[in-house]
Amino acid sequence: MRFDQSGAAMEASEGDSRPVAMGLDEEGVPWLVTEREVLRRHGAGVPVWKRYHAQAEGAPRLVAIGFHPTGVRVVDALGGGVVLRPADFATTRPFGG
């Protein structure tokens, strides 16, 4: 769901589990972490949330997200997790630079 000056609107999503964290990368693109997946918002007019990672069956639930010049760090409940490196991150300037 998106909220703006004109009201609220639904946004399509490839995800289907409960949201636990959200963050904006350096370019202002929203990322959503659910207990089992990591999604990134694409598009402007009719945006869609695309899946970038899904936890394996039996893996710890995801709990947090952070951004670094080398990728997106997603942390699980045991302190492990995954680093995601979308192709377009290589074309952006380093964070804080």
PDB file of N, CA and C in Angstrom:
ATOM      1  N   MET A   1       0.839  -1.171   0.000  1.00  0.00           N
ATOM      2  CA  MET A   1       0.000   0.000   0.000  1.00  0.00           C
ATOM      3  C   MET A   1       0.882   1.231   0.000  1.00  0.00           C
ATOM      4  N   ARG A   2       0.521   2.213  -0.809  1.00  0.00           N
ATOM      5  CA  ARG A   2       1.254   3.476  -0.901  1.00  0.00           C
ATOM      6  C   ARG A   2       0.351   4.601  -0.402  1.00  0.00           C
ATOM      7  N   PHE A   3       0.923   5.514   0.378  1.00  0.00           N
ATOM      8  CA  PHE A   3       0.205   6.689   0.845  1.00  0.00           C
ATOM      9  C   PHE A   3       0.900   7.924   0.294  1.00  0.00           C
ATOM     10  N   ASP A   4       0.124   8.835  -0.306  1.00  0.00           N
ATOM     11  CA  ASP A   4       0.671  10.100  -0.775  1.00  0.00           C
ATOM     12  C   ASP A   4      -0.392  11.178  -0.648  1.00  0.00           C
ATOM     13  N   GLN A   5      -0.166  12.366  -1.242  1.00  0.00           N
ATOM     14  CA  GLN A   5      -1.098  13.487  -1.105  1.00  0.00           C
ATOM     15  C   GLN A   5      -2.480  13.180  -1.657  1.00  0.00           C
ATOM     16  N   SER A   6      -2.556  12.306  -2.663  1.00  0.00           N
ATOM     17  CA  SER A   6      -3.851  12.010  -3.272  1.00  0.00           C
ATOM     18  C   SER A   6      -4.605  10.895  -2.558  1.00  0.00           C
ATOM     19  N   GLY A   7      -3.976  10.269  -1.570  1.00  0.00           N
ATOM     20  CA  GLY A   7      -4.649   9.203  -0.837  1.00  0.00           C
ATOM     21  C   GLY A   7      -3.806   7.949  -0.751  1.00  0.00           C
ATOM     22  N   ALA A   8      -4.483   6.804  -0.773  1.00  0.00           N
ATOM     23  CA  ALA A   8      -3.807   5.508  -0.660  1.00  0.00           C
ATOM     24  C   ALA A   8      -4.064   4.689  -1.914  1.00  0.00           C
ATOM     25  N   ALA A   9      -3.090   3.868  -2.289  1.00  0.00           N
ATOM     26  CA  ALA A   9      -3.233   2.998  -3.459  1.00  0.00           C
ATOM     27  C   ALA A   9      -2.494   1.693  -3.198  1.00  0.00           C
ATOM     28  N   MET A  10      -2.993   0.621  -3.762  1.00  0.00           N
ATOM     29  CA  MET A  10      -2.347  -0.685  -3.651  1.00  0.00           C
ATOM     30  C   MET A  10      -1.194  -0.767  -4.651  1.00  0.00           C
ATOM     31  N   GLU A  11      -0.128  -1.453  -4.270  1.00  0.00           N
ATOM     32  CA  GLU A  11       1.001  -1.712  -5.165  1.00  0.00           C
ATOM     33  C   GLU A  11       1.187  -3.218  -5.266  1.00  0.00           C
ATOM     34  N   ALA A  12       1.424  -3.695  -6.488  1.00  0.00           N
ATOM     35  CA  ALA A  12       1.620  -5.125  -6.709  1.00  0.00           C
ATOM     36  C   ALA A  12       2.919  -5.582  -6.056  1.00  0.00           C
ATOM     37  N   SER A  13       2.924  -6.833  -5.589  1.00  0.00           N
ATOM     38  CA  SER A  13       4.102  -7.378  -4.928  1.00  0.00           C
ATOM     39  C   SER A  13       4.259  -8.851  -5.244  1.00  0.00           C
ATOM     40  N   GLU A  14       5.527  -9.283  -5.391  1.00  0.00           N
ATOM     41  CA  GLU A  14       5.822 -10.697  -5.556  1.00  0.00           C
ATOM     42  C   GLU A  14       5.891 -11.392  -4.201  1.00  0.00           C
ATOM     43  N   GLY A  15       5.904 -10.631  -3.125  1.00  0.00           N
ATOM     44  CA  GLY A  15       6.040 -11.192  -1.775  1.00  0.00           C
ATOM     45  C   GLY A  15       4.710 -11.549  -1.157  1.00  0.00           C
ATOM     46  N   ASP A  16       4.785 -12.409  -0.132  1.00  0.00           N
ATOM     47  CA  ASP A  16       3.542 -12.795   0.528  1.00  0.00           C
ATOM     48  C   ASP A  16       3.706 -13.060   2.020  1.00  0.00           C
ATOM     49  N   SER A  17       4.828 -12.614   2.622  1.00  0.00           N
ATOM     50  CA  SER A  17       4.980 -12.820   4.052  1.00  0.00           C
ATOM     51  C   SER A  17       4.982 -11.494   4.795  1.00  0.00           C
ATOM     52  N   ARG A  18       4.943 -11.557   6.117  1.00  0.00           N
ATOM     53  CA  ARG A  18       4.772 -10.396   6.976  1.00  0.00           C
ATOM     54  C   ARG A  18       5.971  -9.439   6.945  1.00  0.00           C
ATOM     55  N   PRO A  19       5.757  -8.136   6.725  1.00  0.00           N
ATOM     56  CA  PRO A  19       6.847  -7.157   6.734  1.00  0.00           C
ATOM     57  C   PRO A  19       7.472  -7.017   8.121  1.00  0.00           C
ATOM     58  N   VAL A  20       8.816  -6.864   8.162  1.00  0.00           N
ATOM     59  CA  VAL A  20       9.500  -6.668   9.427  1.00  0.00           C
ATOM     60  C   VAL A  20      10.428  -5.449   9.414  1.00  0.00           C
ATOM     61  N   ALA A  21      10.895  -5.026   8.238  1.00  0.00           N
ATOM     62  CA  ALA A  21      11.799  -3.878   8.156  1.00  0.00           C
ATOM     63  C   ALA A  21      11.707  -3.250   6.774  1.00  0.00           C
ATOM     64  N   MET A  22      12.044  -1.967   6.706  1.00  0.00           N
ATOM     65  CA  MET A  22      12.026  -1.262   5.429  1.00  0.00           C
ATOM     66  C   MET A  22      13.140  -0.226   5.464  1.00  0.00           C
ATOM     67  N   GLY A  23      13.726   0.068   4.298  1.00  0.00           N
ATOM     68  CA  GLY A  23      14.757   1.078   4.222  1.00  0.00           C
ATOM     69  C   GLY A  23      14.853   1.651   2.825  1.00  0.00           C
ATOM     70  N   LEU A  24      15.498   2.812   2.730  1.00  0.00           N
ATOM     71  CA  LEU A  24      15.736   3.457   1.440  1.00  0.00           C
ATOM     72  C   LEU A  24      17.220   3.376   1.133  1.00  0.00           C
ATOM     73  N   ASP A  25      17.550   2.962  -0.099  1.00  0.00           N
ATOM     74  CA  ASP A  25      18.961   2.956  -0.484  1.00  0.00           C
ATOM     75  C   ASP A  25      19.395   4.381  -0.829  1.00  0.00           C
ATOM     76  N   GLU A  26      20.644   4.546  -1.206  1.00  0.00           N
ATOM     77  CA  GLU A  26      21.216   5.871  -1.495  1.00  0.00           C
ATOM     78  C   GLU A  26      20.433   6.622  -2.569  1.00  0.00           C
ATOM     79  N   GLU A  27      19.846   5.889  -3.497  1.00  0.00           N
ATOM     80  CA  GLU A  27      19.075   6.512  -4.578  1.00  0.00           C
ATOM     81  C   GLU A  27      17.628   6.800  -4.176  1.00  0.00           C
ATOM     82  N   GLY A  28      17.256   6.450  -2.943  1.00  0.00           N
ATOM     83  CA  GLY A  28      15.899   6.671  -2.466  1.00  0.00           C
ATOM     84  C   GLY A  28      14.918   5.580  -2.852  1.00  0.00           C
ATOM     85  N   VAL A  29      15.430   4.443  -3.307  1.00  0.00           N
ATOM     86  CA  VAL A  29      14.572   3.322  -3.693  1.00  0.00           C
ATOM     87  C   VAL A  29      14.212   2.517  -2.442  1.00  0.00           C
ATOM     88  N   PRO A  30      12.923   2.269  -2.206  1.00  0.00           N
ATOM     89  CA  PRO A  30      12.522   1.502  -1.036  1.00  0.00           C
ATOM     90  C   PRO A  30      12.817   0.005  -1.171  1.00  0.00           C
ATOM     91  N   TRP A  31      13.235  -0.587  -0.068  1.00  0.00           N
ATOM     92  CA  TRP A  31      13.434  -2.023   0.068  1.00  0.00           C
ATOM     93  C   TRP A  31      12.580  -2.482   1.240  1.00  0.00           C
ATOM     94  N   LEU A  32      12.003  -3.673   1.117  1.00  0.00           N
ATOM     95  CA  LEU A  32      11.154  -4.239   2.159  1.00  0.00           C
ATOM     96  C   LEU A  32      11.677  -5.609   2.542  1.00  0.00           C
ATOM     97  N   VAL A  33      11.816  -5.834   3.842  1.00  0.00           N
ATOM     98  CA  VAL A  33      12.212  -7.137   4.356  1.00  0.00           C
ATOM     99  C   VAL A  33      11.009  -7.747   5.049  1.00  0.00           C
ATOM    100  N   THR A  34      10.680  -8.965   4.664  1.00  0.00           N
ATOM    101  CA  THR A  34       9.652  -9.717   5.366  1.00  0.00           C
ATOM    102  C   THR A  34      10.357 -10.837   6.124  1.00  0.00           C
ATOM    103  N   GLU A  35       9.627 -11.637   6.849  1.00  0.00           N
ATOM    104  CA  GLU A  35      10.250 -12.730   7.587  1.00  0.00           C
ATOM    105  C   GLU A  35      10.976 -13.713   6.675  1.00  0.00           C
ATOM    106  N   ARG A  36      10.579 -13.805   5.401  1.00  0.00           N
ATOM    107  CA  ARG A  36      11.133 -14.810   4.495  1.00  0.00           C
ATOM    108  C   ARG A  36      11.736 -14.252   3.210  1.00  0.00           C
ATOM    109  N   GLU A  37      11.508 -12.954   2.901  1.00  0.00           N
ATOM    110  CA  GLU A  37      11.914 -12.415   1.598  1.00  0.00           C
ATOM    111  C   GLU A  37      12.459 -10.996   1.700  1.00  0.00           C
ATOM    112  N   VAL A  38      13.177 -10.605   0.635  1.00  0.00           N
ATOM    113  CA  VAL A  38      13.627  -9.221   0.473  1.00  0.00           C
ATOM    114  C   VAL A  38      13.080  -8.738  -0.867  1.00  0.00           C
ATOM    115  N   LEU A  39      12.379  -7.611  -0.834  1.00  0.00           N
ATOM    116  CA  LEU A  39      11.769  -7.055  -2.041  1.00  0.00           C
ATOM    117  C   LEU A  39      12.248  -5.631  -2.268  1.00  0.00           C
ATOM    118  N   ARG A  40      12.289  -5.239  -3.536  1.00  0.00           N
ATOM    119  CA  ARG A  40      12.707  -3.887  -3.921  1.00  0.00           C
ATOM    120  C   ARG A  40      11.638  -3.299  -4.829  1.00  0.00           C
ATOM    121  N   ARG A  41      11.333  -2.029  -4.616  1.00  0.00           N
ATOM    122  CA  ARG A  41      10.294  -1.358  -5.402  1.00  0.00           C
ATOM    123  C   ARG A  41      10.860  -0.916  -6.748  1.00  0.00           C
ATOM    124  N   HIS A  42      10.133  -1.211  -7.817  1.00  0.00           N
ATOM    125  CA  HIS A  42      10.524  -0.840  -9.182  1.00  0.00           C
ATOM    126  C   HIS A  42       9.388  -0.072  -9.843  1.00  0.00           C
ATOM    127  N   GLY A  43       9.761   0.931 -10.628  1.00  0.00           N
ATOM    128  CA  GLY A  43       8.760   1.680 -11.387  1.00  0.00           C
ATOM    129  C   GLY A  43       8.251   2.874 -10.619  1.00  0.00           C
ATOM    130  N   ALA A  44       7.629   3.787 -11.348  1.00  0.00           N
ATOM    131  CA  ALA A  44       7.112   5.003 -10.737  1.00  0.00           C
ATOM    132  C   ALA A  44       5.598   5.099 -10.886  1.00  0.00           C
ATOM    133  N   GLY A  45       5.097   5.042 -12.123  1.00  0.00           N
ATOM    134  CA  GLY A  45       3.665   5.200 -12.358  1.00  0.00           C
ATOM    135  C   GLY A  45       2.835   4.091 -11.731  1.00  0.00           C
ATOM    136  N   VAL A  46       3.152   2.864 -12.068  1.00  0.00           N
ATOM    137  CA  VAL A  46       2.482   1.693 -11.496  1.00  0.00           C
ATOM    138  C   VAL A  46       3.587   0.789 -10.945  1.00  0.00           C
ATOM    139  N   PRO A  47       4.092   1.088  -9.740  1.00  0.00           N
ATOM    140  CA  PRO A  47       5.224   0.341  -9.206  1.00  0.00           C
ATOM    141  C   PRO A  47       4.867  -1.088  -8.833  1.00  0.00           C
ATOM    142  N   VAL A  48       5.895  -1.926  -8.805  1.00  0.00           N
ATOM    143  CA  VAL A  48       5.747  -3.311  -8.367  1.00  0.00           C
ATOM    144  C   VAL A  48       6.937  -3.646  -7.477  1.00  0.00           C
ATOM    145  N   TRP A  49       6.712  -4.466  -6.473  1.00  0.00           N
ATOM    146  CA  TRP A  49       7.758  -4.927  -5.569  1.00  0.00           C
ATOM    147  C   TRP A  49       8.274  -6.258  -6.082  1.00  0.00           C
ATOM    148  N   LYS A  50       9.584  -6.296  -6.443  1.00  0.00           N
ATOM    149  CA  LYS A  50      10.182  -7.512  -6.982  1.00  0.00           C
ATOM    150  C   LYS A  50      11.048  -8.199  -5.932  1.00  0.00           C
ATOM    151  N   ARG A  51      10.977  -9.528  -5.936  1.00  0.00           N
ATOM    152  CA  ARG A  51      11.735 -10.338  -4.984  1.00  0.00           C
ATOM    153  C   ARG A  51      13.211 -10.399  -5.386  1.00  0.00           C
ATOM    154  N   TYR A  52      14.103 -10.105  -4.426  1.00  0.00           N
ATOM    155  CA  TYR A  52      15.545 -10.190  -4.639  1.00  0.00           C
ATOM    156  C   TYR A  52      16.166 -11.345  -3.864  1.00  0.00           C
ATOM    157  N   HIS A  53      15.465 -11.844  -2.860  1.00  0.00           N
ATOM    158  CA  HIS A  53      15.972 -12.960  -2.073  1.00  0.00           C
ATOM    159  C   HIS A  53      14.808 -13.630  -1.354  1.00  0.00           C
ATOM    160  N   ALA A  54      14.885 -14.959  -1.226  1.00  0.00           N
ATOM    161  CA  ALA A  54      13.919 -15.713  -0.425  1.00  0.00           C
ATOM    162  C   ALA A  54      14.701 -16.670   0.462  1.00  0.00           C
ATOM    163  N   GLN A  55      14.376 -16.705   1.749  1.00  0.00           N
ATOM    164  CA  GLN A  55      15.031 -17.611   2.681  1.00  0.00           C
ATOM    165  C   GLN A  55      14.658 -19.052   2.361  1.00  0.00           C
ATOM    166  N   ALA A  56      15.625 -19.934   2.498  1.00  0.00           N
ATOM    167  CA  ALA A  56      15.376 -21.363   2.318  1.00  0.00           C
ATOM    168  C   ALA A  56      14.455 -21.874   3.424  1.00  0.00           C
ATOM    169  N   GLU A  57      13.726 -22.913   3.137  1.00  0.00           N
ATOM    170  CA  GLU A  57      12.849 -23.547   4.131  1.00  0.00           C
ATOM    171  C   GLU A  57      13.675 -23.938   5.347  1.00  0.00           C
ATOM    172  N   GLY A  58      13.223 -23.574   6.532  1.00  0.00           N
ATOM    173  CA  GLY A  58      13.919 -23.907   7.767  1.00  0.00           C
ATOM    174  C   GLY A  58      14.993 -22.906   8.181  1.00  0.00           C
ATOM    175  N   ALA A  59      15.323 -21.943   7.325  1.00  0.00           N
ATOM    176  CA  ALA A  59      16.323 -20.921   7.665  1.00  0.00           C
ATOM    177  C   ALA A  59      15.727 -19.927   8.658  1.00  0.00           C
ATOM    178  N   PRO A  60      16.573 -19.257   9.444  1.00  0.00           N
ATOM    179  CA  PRO A  60      16.067 -18.263  10.399  1.00  0.00           C
ATOM    180  C   PRO A  60      15.327 -17.131   9.683  1.00  0.00           C
ATOM    181  N   ARG A  61      14.391 -16.532  10.384  1.00  0.00           N
ATOM    182  CA  ARG A  61      13.632 -15.425   9.797  1.00  0.00           C
ATOM    183  C   ARG A  61      14.523 -14.204   9.635  1.00  0.00           C
ATOM    184  N   LEU A  62      14.206 -13.363   8.668  1.00  0.00           N
ATOM    185  CA  LEU A  62      14.937 -12.121   8.418  1.00  0.00           C
ATOM    186  C   LEU A  62      14.444 -11.046   9.378  1.00  0.00           C
ATOM    187  N   VAL A  63      15.361 -10.156   9.799  1.00  0.00           N
ATOM    188  CA  VAL A  63      14.972  -9.157  10.803  1.00  0.00           C
ATOM    189  C   VAL A  63      15.396  -7.721  10.500  1.00  0.00           C
ATOM    190  N   ALA A  64      16.393  -7.504   9.617  1.00  0.00           N
ATOM    191  CA  ALA A  64      16.892  -6.138   9.423  1.00  0.00           C
ATOM    192  C   ALA A  64      17.551  -5.988   8.059  1.00  0.00           C
ATOM    193  N   ILE A  65      17.735  -4.721   7.650  1.00  0.00           N
ATOM    194  CA  ILE A  65      18.386  -4.401   6.383  1.00  0.00           C
ATOM    195  C   ILE A  65      19.310  -3.205   6.579  1.00  0.00           C
ATOM    196  N   GLY A  66      20.417  -3.216   5.852  1.00  0.00           N
ATOM    197  CA  GLY A  66      21.357  -2.097   5.876  1.00  0.00           C
ATOM    198  C   GLY A  66      21.965  -1.921   4.497  1.00  0.00           C
ATOM    199  N   PHE A  67      22.477  -0.737   4.217  1.00  0.00           N
ATOM    200  CA  PHE A  67      22.990  -0.432   2.881  1.00  0.00           C
ATOM    201  C   PHE A  67      24.461  -0.040   2.961  1.00  0.00           C
ATOM    202  N   HIS A  68      25.232  -0.518   1.997  1.00  0.00           N
ATOM    203  CA  HIS A  68      26.674  -0.310   1.938  1.00  0.00           C
ATOM    204  C   HIS A  68      27.052  -0.197   0.464  1.00  0.00           C
ATOM    205  N   PRO A  69      28.146   0.462   0.139  1.00  0.00           N
ATOM    206  CA  PRO A  69      28.524   0.595  -1.275  1.00  0.00           C
ATOM    207  C   PRO A  69      28.659  -0.742  -2.001  1.00  0.00           C
ATOM    208  N   THR A  70      28.966  -1.795  -1.261  1.00  0.00           N
ATOM    209  CA  THR A  70      29.150  -3.101  -1.906  1.00  0.00           C
ATOM    210  C   THR A  70      27.867  -3.908  -2.030  1.00  0.00           C
ATOM    211  N   GLY A  71      26.782  -3.438  -1.440  1.00  0.00           N
ATOM    212  CA  GLY A  71      25.525  -4.167  -1.565  1.00  0.00           C
ATOM    213  C   GLY A  71      24.570  -3.906  -0.420  1.00  0.00           C
ATOM    214  N   VAL A  72      23.536  -4.701  -0.401  1.00  0.00           N
ATOM    215  CA  VAL A  72      22.482  -4.591   0.605  1.00  0.00           C
ATOM    216  C   VAL A  72      22.652  -5.743   1.582  1.00  0.00           C
ATOM    217  N   ARG A  73      22.841  -5.446   2.859  1.00  0.00           N
ATOM    218  CA  ARG A  73      23.049  -6.472   3.876  1.00  0.00           C
ATOM    219  C   ARG A  73      21.737  -6.734   4.577  1.00  0.00           C
ATOM    220  N   VAL A  74      21.299  -7.983   4.533  1.00  0.00           N
ATOM    221  CA  VAL A  74      20.072  -8.398   5.200  1.00  0.00           C
ATOM    222  C   VAL A  74      20.465  -9.366   6.308  1.00  0.00           C
ATOM    223  N   VAL A  75      19.997  -9.112   7.513  1.00  0.00           N
ATOM    224  CA  VAL A  75      20.391  -9.890   8.687  1.00  0.00           C
ATOM    225  C   VAL A  75      19.245 -10.795   9.113  1.00  0.00           C
ATOM    226  N   ASP A  76      19.617 -12.043   9.495  1.00  0.00           N
ATOM    227  CA  ASP A  76      18.597 -12.955  10.001  1.00  0.00           C
ATOM    228  C   ASP A  76      18.622 -12.970  11.534  1.00  0.00           C
ATOM    229  N   ALA A  77      17.701 -13.681  12.136  1.00  0.00           N
ATOM    230  CA  ALA A  77      17.529 -13.693  13.588  1.00  0.00           C
ATOM    231  C   ALA A  77      18.719 -14.279  14.337  1.00  0.00           C
ATOM    232  N   LEU A  78      19.598 -15.005  13.659  1.00  0.00           N
ATOM    233  CA  LEU A  78      20.777 -15.577  14.303  1.00  0.00           C
ATOM    234  C   LEU A  78      22.049 -14.776  14.024  1.00  0.00           C
ATOM    235  N   GLY A  79      21.919 -13.621  13.366  1.00  0.00           N
ATOM    236  CA  GLY A  79      23.064 -12.777  13.069  1.00  0.00           C
ATOM    237  C   GLY A  79      23.729 -13.085  11.736  1.00  0.00           C
ATOM    238  N   GLY A  80      23.235 -14.082  11.037  1.00  0.00           N
ATOM    239  CA  GLY A  80      23.724 -14.391   9.693  1.00  0.00           C
ATOM    240  C   GLY A  80      22.969 -13.549   8.694  1.00  0.00           C
ATOM    241  N   GLY A  81      22.805 -14.056   7.512  1.00  0.00           N
ATOM    242  CA  GLY A  81      22.032 -13.338   6.513  1.00  0.00           C
ATOM    243  C   GLY A  81      22.645 -13.440   5.139  1.00  0.00           C
ATOM    244  N   VAL A  82      22.444 -12.399   4.354  1.00  0.00           N
ATOM    245  CA  VAL A  82      22.875 -12.400   2.970  1.00  0.00           C
ATOM    246  C   VAL A  82      23.251 -10.974   2.552  1.00  0.00           C
ATOM    247  N   VAL A  83      24.190 -10.866   1.605  1.00  0.00           N
ATOM    248  CA  VAL A  83      24.505  -9.585   0.982  1.00  0.00           C
ATOM    249  C   VAL A  83      24.019  -9.658  -0.458  1.00  0.00           C
ATOM    250  N   LEU A  84      23.149  -8.750  -0.829  1.00  0.00           N
ATOM    251  CA  LEU A  84      22.594  -8.701  -2.183  1.00  0.00           C
ATOM    252  C   LEU A  84      23.324  -7.630  -2.972  1.00  0.00           C
ATOM    253  N   ARG A  85      23.648  -7.939  -4.224  1.00  0.00           N
ATOM    254  CA  ARG A  85      24.362  -6.994  -5.080  1.00  0.00           C
ATOM    255  C   ARG A  85      23.611  -6.813  -6.396  1.00  0.00           C
ATOM    256  N   PRO A  86      22.573  -5.979  -6.388  1.00  0.00           N
ATOM    257  CA  PRO A  86      21.848  -5.728  -7.637  1.00  0.00           C
ATOM    258  C   PRO A  86      22.774  -5.149  -8.700  1.00  0.00           C
ATOM    259  N   ALA A  87      22.540  -5.502  -9.941  1.00  0.00           N
ATOM    260  CA  ALA A  87      23.392  -5.062 -11.053  1.00  0.00           C
ATOM    261  C   ALA A  87      23.525  -3.542 -11.110  1.00  0.00           C
ATOM    262  N   ASP A  88      22.470  -2.809 -10.820  1.00  0.00           N
ATOM    263  CA  ASP A  88      22.538  -1.356 -10.924  1.00  0.00           C
ATOM    264  C   ASP A  88      23.301  -0.704  -9.775  1.00  0.00           C
ATOM    265  N   PHE A  89      23.624  -1.418  -8.711  1.00  0.00           N
ATOM    266  CA  PHE A  89      24.447  -0.851  -7.647  1.00  0.00           C
ATOM    267  C   PHE A  89      25.847  -0.543  -8.159  1.00  0.00           C
ATOM    268  N   ALA A  90      26.337  -1.303  -9.120  1.00  0.00           N
ATOM    269  CA  ALA A  90      27.687  -1.097  -9.665  1.00  0.00           C
ATOM    270  C   ALA A  90      27.782   0.226 -10.428  1.00  0.00           C
ATOM    271  N   THR A  91      26.636   0.773 -10.865  1.00  0.00           N
ATOM    272  CA  THR A  91      26.655   1.994 -11.661  1.00  0.00           C
ATOM    273  C   THR A  91      26.400   3.253 -10.825  1.00  0.00           C
ATOM    274  N   THR A  92      26.143   3.082  -9.526  1.00  0.00           N
ATOM    275  CA  THR A  92      25.886   4.243  -8.686  1.00  0.00           C
ATOM    276  C   THR A  92      27.152   4.634  -7.948  1.00  0.00           C
ATOM    277  N   ARG A  93      27.192   5.858  -7.456  1.00  0.00           N
ATOM    278  CA  ARG A  93      28.361   6.321  -6.719  1.00  0.00           C
ATOM    279  C   ARG A  93      28.370   5.680  -5.337  1.00  0.00           C
ATOM    280  N   PRO A  94      29.523   5.605  -4.670  1.00  0.00           N
ATOM    281  CA  PRO A  94      29.581   5.034  -3.323  1.00  0.00           C
ATOM    282  C   PRO A  94      28.710   5.825  -2.368  1.00  0.00           C
ATOM    283  N   PHE A  95      28.149   5.160  -1.369  1.00  0.00           N
ATOM    284  CA  PHE A  95      27.316   5.830  -0.380  1.00  0.00           C
ATOM    285  C   PHE A  95      28.147   6.895   0.335  1.00  0.00           C
ATOM    286  N   GLY A  96      27.535   8.043   0.505  1.00  0.00           N
ATOM    287  CA  GLY A  96      28.199   9.148   1.177  1.00  0.00           C
ATOM    288  C   GLY A  96      29.211   9.870   0.287  1.00  0.00           C
ATOM    289  N   GLY A  97      29.335   9.435  -0.982  1.00  0.00           N
ATOM    290  CA  GLY A  97      30.353  10.032  -1.833  1.00  0.00           C
ATOM    291  C   GLY A  97      29.804  10.955  -2.867  1.00  0.00           C
TER     292      GLY A  97
END
